[in-house]
Amino acid sequence: MEQIELTTAKKMVKNYHATRKQLIDKAHSINDTESIWISLDHFKDFINKLPASATGVRIYLAAYDHDEPHYPNQTTAIIMGTVDKGDGHTDAIASNSALTDTDEGMEPFNRGKACPPYC
């Protein structure tokens, strides 16, 4: 991961709005997520709970079910710790043999505040 220029970040967000977000909004008749806010305390807590064997973090794009009360059908992000299994970094979603969903500190993290509606 590397730092990018603010102008590049703004262009990338604009590209997302002009392409993917428009398609999702139209296909699902929603105003889909454009960002997710995570409190610094929650993010630090997630990082601090990762075990020593963790090698990084993977961010999955996902979607809530239609009956989710706060964000029906909206895009979300799931954050998980990864481990190196010799052939690359993996996690419990990518490889059931790599980890179990009960490994201490490696549980998925979700429930930031999606924008919209919380912008």
C-alpha atoms as a PDB file:
ATOM      1  CA  MET A   1       0.000   0.000   0.000  1.00  0.00           C
ATOM      2  CA  GLU A   2       1.348   3.407  -0.824  1.00  0.00           C
ATOM      3  CA  GLN A   3       0.299   6.987  -0.408  1.00  0.00           C
ATOM      4  CA  ILE A   4      -1.200   8.663  -3.474  1.00  0.00           C
ATOM      5  CA  GLU A   5      -1.802  12.273  -4.387  1.00  0.00           C
ATOM      6  CA  LEU A   6      -5.115  13.781  -3.287  1.00  0.00           C
ATOM      7  CA  THR A   7      -5.894  14.705  -6.908  1.00  0.00           C
ATOM      8  CA  THR A   8      -5.432  11.050  -7.891  1.00  0.00           C
ATOM      9  CA  ALA A   9      -7.710   9.895  -5.061  1.00  0.00           C
ATOM     10  CA  LYS A  10     -10.408  12.382  -6.080  1.00  0.00           C
ATOM     11  CA  LYS A  11     -10.168  11.231  -9.708  1.00  0.00           C
ATOM     12  CA  MET A  12     -10.487   7.589  -8.659  1.00  0.00           C
ATOM     13  CA  VAL A  13     -13.577   8.345  -6.552  1.00  0.00           C
ATOM     14  CA  LYS A  14     -15.064  10.289  -9.470  1.00  0.00           C
ATOM     15  CA  ASN A  15     -14.346   7.319 -11.774  1.00  0.00           C
ATOM     16  CA  TYR A  16     -16.123   4.990  -9.341  1.00  0.00           C
ATOM     17  CA  HIS A  17     -19.183   7.252  -9.248  1.00  0.00           C
ATOM     18  CA  ALA A  18     -19.263   7.535 -13.040  1.00  0.00           C
ATOM     19  CA  THR A  19     -19.003   3.801 -13.619  1.00  0.00           C
ATOM     20  CA  ARG A  20     -19.691   1.218 -10.930  1.00  0.00           C
ATOM     21  CA  LYS A  21     -21.891   3.245  -8.574  1.00  0.00           C
ATOM     22  CA  GLN A  22     -24.216   4.300 -11.379  1.00  0.00           C
ATOM     23  CA  LEU A  23     -24.625   0.682 -12.484  1.00  0.00           C
ATOM     24  CA  ILE A  24     -25.284  -0.569  -8.946  1.00  0.00           C
ATOM     25  CA  ASP A  25     -27.743   2.256  -8.222  1.00  0.00           C
ATOM     26  CA  LYS A  26     -29.690   1.530 -11.400  1.00  0.00           C
ATOM     27  CA  ALA A  27     -29.641  -2.273 -11.131  1.00  0.00           C
ATOM     28  CA  HIS A  28     -30.797  -2.319  -7.499  1.00  0.00           C
ATOM     29  CA  SER A  29     -32.878   0.884  -7.385  1.00  0.00           C
ATOM     30  CA  ILE A  30     -30.820   2.228  -4.482  1.00  0.00           C
ATOM     31  CA  ASN A  31     -28.406   5.016  -3.665  1.00  0.00           C
ATOM     32  CA  ASP A  32     -25.484   2.686  -2.988  1.00  0.00           C
ATOM     33  CA  THR A  33     -22.614   3.144  -0.585  1.00  0.00           C
ATOM     34  CA  GLU A  34     -19.882   5.522  -1.677  1.00  0.00           C
ATOM     35  CA  SER A  35     -17.759   5.390   1.469  1.00  0.00           C
ATOM     36  CA  ILE A  36     -17.582   3.719   4.860  1.00  0.00           C
ATOM     37  CA  TRP A  37     -16.456   5.475   8.026  1.00  0.00           C
ATOM     38  CA  ILE A  38     -14.686   3.457  10.736  1.00  0.00           C
ATOM     39  CA  SER A  39     -13.808   4.991  14.078  1.00  0.00           C
ATOM     40  CA  LEU A  40     -10.107   5.092  14.819  1.00  0.00           C
ATOM     41  CA  ASP A  41     -10.707   3.330  18.140  1.00  0.00           C
ATOM     42  CA  HIS A  42     -12.499   0.424  16.434  1.00  0.00           C
ATOM     43  CA  PHE A  43      -9.833   0.187  13.742  1.00  0.00           C
ATOM     44  CA  LYS A  44      -7.014   0.173  16.323  1.00  0.00           C
ATOM     45  CA  ASP A  45      -8.899  -2.457  18.333  1.00  0.00           C
ATOM     46  CA  PHE A  46      -9.131  -4.654  15.216  1.00  0.00           C
ATOM     47  CA  ILE A  47      -5.414  -4.275  14.475  1.00  0.00           C
ATOM     48  CA  ASN A  48      -4.410  -4.856  18.115  1.00  0.00           C
ATOM     49  CA  LYS A  49      -6.421  -8.113  18.290  1.00  0.00           C
ATOM     50  CA  LEU A  50      -4.610  -9.652  15.307  1.00  0.00           C
ATOM     51  CA  PRO A  51      -2.351 -12.504  16.406  1.00  0.00           C
ATOM     52  CA  ALA A  52       1.416 -12.474  15.868  1.00  0.00           C
ATOM     53  CA  SER A  53       0.913 -14.856  12.927  1.00  0.00           C
ATOM     54  CA  ALA A  54      -1.063 -12.232  10.985  1.00  0.00           C
ATOM     55  CA  THR A  55       0.782 -10.888   7.941  1.00  0.00           C
ATOM     56  CA  GLY A  56      -1.629  -8.233   6.758  1.00  0.00           C
ATOM     57  CA  VAL A  57      -5.208  -7.187   6.223  1.00  0.00           C
ATOM     58  CA  ARG A  58      -7.542  -7.940   3.321  1.00  0.00           C
ATOM     59  CA  ILE A  59     -10.538  -5.744   2.525  1.00  0.00           C
ATOM     60  CA  TYR A  60     -13.441  -7.487   0.818  1.00  0.00           C
ATOM     61  CA  LEU A  61     -16.192  -5.619  -0.966  1.00  0.00           C
ATOM     62  CA  ALA A  62     -19.496  -7.247  -0.062  1.00  0.00           C
ATOM     63  CA  ALA A  63     -23.228  -6.544  -0.106  1.00  0.00           C
ATOM     64  CA  TYR A  64     -25.841  -6.651   2.622  1.00  0.00           C
ATOM     65  CA  ASP A  65     -28.980  -8.736   2.105  1.00  0.00           C
ATOM     66  CA  HIS A  66     -32.174  -7.022   0.972  1.00  0.00           C
ATOM     67  CA  ASP A  67     -33.710  -7.406   4.436  1.00  0.00           C
ATOM     68  CA  GLU A  68     -30.815  -5.784   6.351  1.00  0.00           C
ATOM     69  CA  PRO A  69     -32.563  -3.042   8.372  1.00  0.00           C
ATOM     70  CA  HIS A  70     -30.011  -0.219   8.002  1.00  0.00           C
ATOM     71  CA  TYR A  71     -28.348  -0.782   4.622  1.00  0.00           C
ATOM     72  CA  PRO A  72     -30.552  -3.028   2.443  1.00  0.00           C
ATOM     73  CA  ASN A  73     -28.687  -4.221  -0.691  1.00  0.00           C
ATOM     74  CA  GLN A  74     -25.893  -1.706  -0.088  1.00  0.00           C
ATOM     75  CA  THR A  75     -22.206  -2.324  -0.660  1.00  0.00           C
ATOM     76  CA  THR A  76     -20.092  -2.792   2.445  1.00  0.00           C
ATOM     77  CA  ALA A  77     -16.528  -3.720   3.326  1.00  0.00           C
ATOM     78  CA  ILE A  78     -15.349  -6.684   5.384  1.00  0.00           C
ATOM     79  CA  ILE A  79     -11.870  -6.458   6.873  1.00  0.00           C
ATOM     80  CA  MET A  80      -9.965  -9.616   7.799  1.00  0.00           C
ATOM     81  CA  GLY A  81      -6.502 -10.478   8.972  1.00  0.00           C
ATOM     82  CA  THR A  82      -4.362 -12.625   6.673  1.00  0.00           C
ATOM     83  CA  VAL A  83      -1.654 -15.212   7.229  1.00  0.00           C
ATOM     84  CA  ASP A  84       1.089 -16.475   4.932  1.00  0.00           C
ATOM     85  CA  LYS A  85       0.477 -20.120   4.032  1.00  0.00           C
ATOM     86  CA  GLY A  86       3.525 -20.444   1.801  1.00  0.00           C
ATOM     87  CA  ASP A  87       1.752 -19.688  -1.451  1.00  0.00           C
ATOM     88  CA  GLY A  88       0.627 -16.186  -0.531  1.00  0.00           C
ATOM     89  CA  HIS A  89      -1.430 -14.328   1.996  1.00  0.00           C
ATOM     90  CA  THR A  90      -4.785 -15.890   2.718  1.00  0.00           C
ATOM     91  CA  ASP A  91      -7.696 -15.674   5.156  1.00  0.00           C
ATOM     92  CA  ALA A  92     -10.709 -17.699   6.262  1.00  0.00           C
ATOM     93  CA  ILE A  93     -12.901 -16.407   3.421  1.00  0.00           C
ATOM     94  CA  ALA A  94     -10.328 -17.119   0.705  1.00  0.00           C
ATOM     95  CA  SER A  95      -9.252 -20.518   2.027  1.00  0.00           C
ATOM     96  CA  ASN A  96     -11.221 -22.631   4.476  1.00  0.00           C
ATOM     97  CA  SER A  97      -8.107 -24.700   5.096  1.00  0.00           C
ATOM     98  CA  ALA A  98      -6.014 -21.668   6.057  1.00  0.00           C
ATOM     99  CA  LEU A  99      -7.968 -20.577   9.106  1.00  0.00           C
ATOM    100  CA  THR A 100     -11.193 -21.197  10.843  1.00  0.00           C
ATOM    101  CA  ASP A 101     -13.681 -18.458  11.522  1.00  0.00           C
ATOM    102  CA  THR A 102     -13.068 -18.937  15.238  1.00  0.00           C
ATOM    103  CA  ASP A 103      -9.317 -18.273  15.231  1.00  0.00           C
ATOM    104  CA  GLU A 104      -8.728 -15.684  17.950  1.00  0.00           C
ATOM    105  CA  GLY A 105      -8.192 -12.221  16.499  1.00  0.00           C
ATOM    106  CA  MET A 106      -8.873 -13.282  12.911  1.00  0.00           C
ATOM    107  CA  GLU A 107     -12.639 -12.771  12.892  1.00  0.00           C
ATOM    108  CA  PRO A 108     -14.153 -10.586  10.154  1.00  0.00           C
ATOM    109  CA  PHE A 109     -14.762  -6.903  10.970  1.00  0.00           C
ATOM    110  CA  ASN A 110     -17.748  -4.983   9.562  1.00  0.00           C
ATOM    111  CA  ARG A 111     -20.354  -2.400  10.557  1.00  0.00           C
ATOM    112  CA  GLY A 112     -18.682   0.884   9.807  1.00  0.00           C
ATOM    113  CA  LYS A 113     -21.060   3.724   8.988  1.00  0.00           C
ATOM    114  CA  ALA A 114     -21.996   3.636   5.316  1.00  0.00           C
ATOM    115  CA  CYS A 115     -22.472   6.813   3.309  1.00  0.00           C
ATOM    116  CA  PRO A 116     -25.241   7.135   2.381  1.00  0.00           C
ATOM    117  CA  PRO A 117     -27.136   7.408   4.656  1.00  0.00           C
ATOM    118  CA  TYR A 118     -24.536   8.534   7.240  1.00  0.00           C
ATOM    119  CA  CYS A 119     -22.387  11.034   5.354  1.00  0.00           C
END
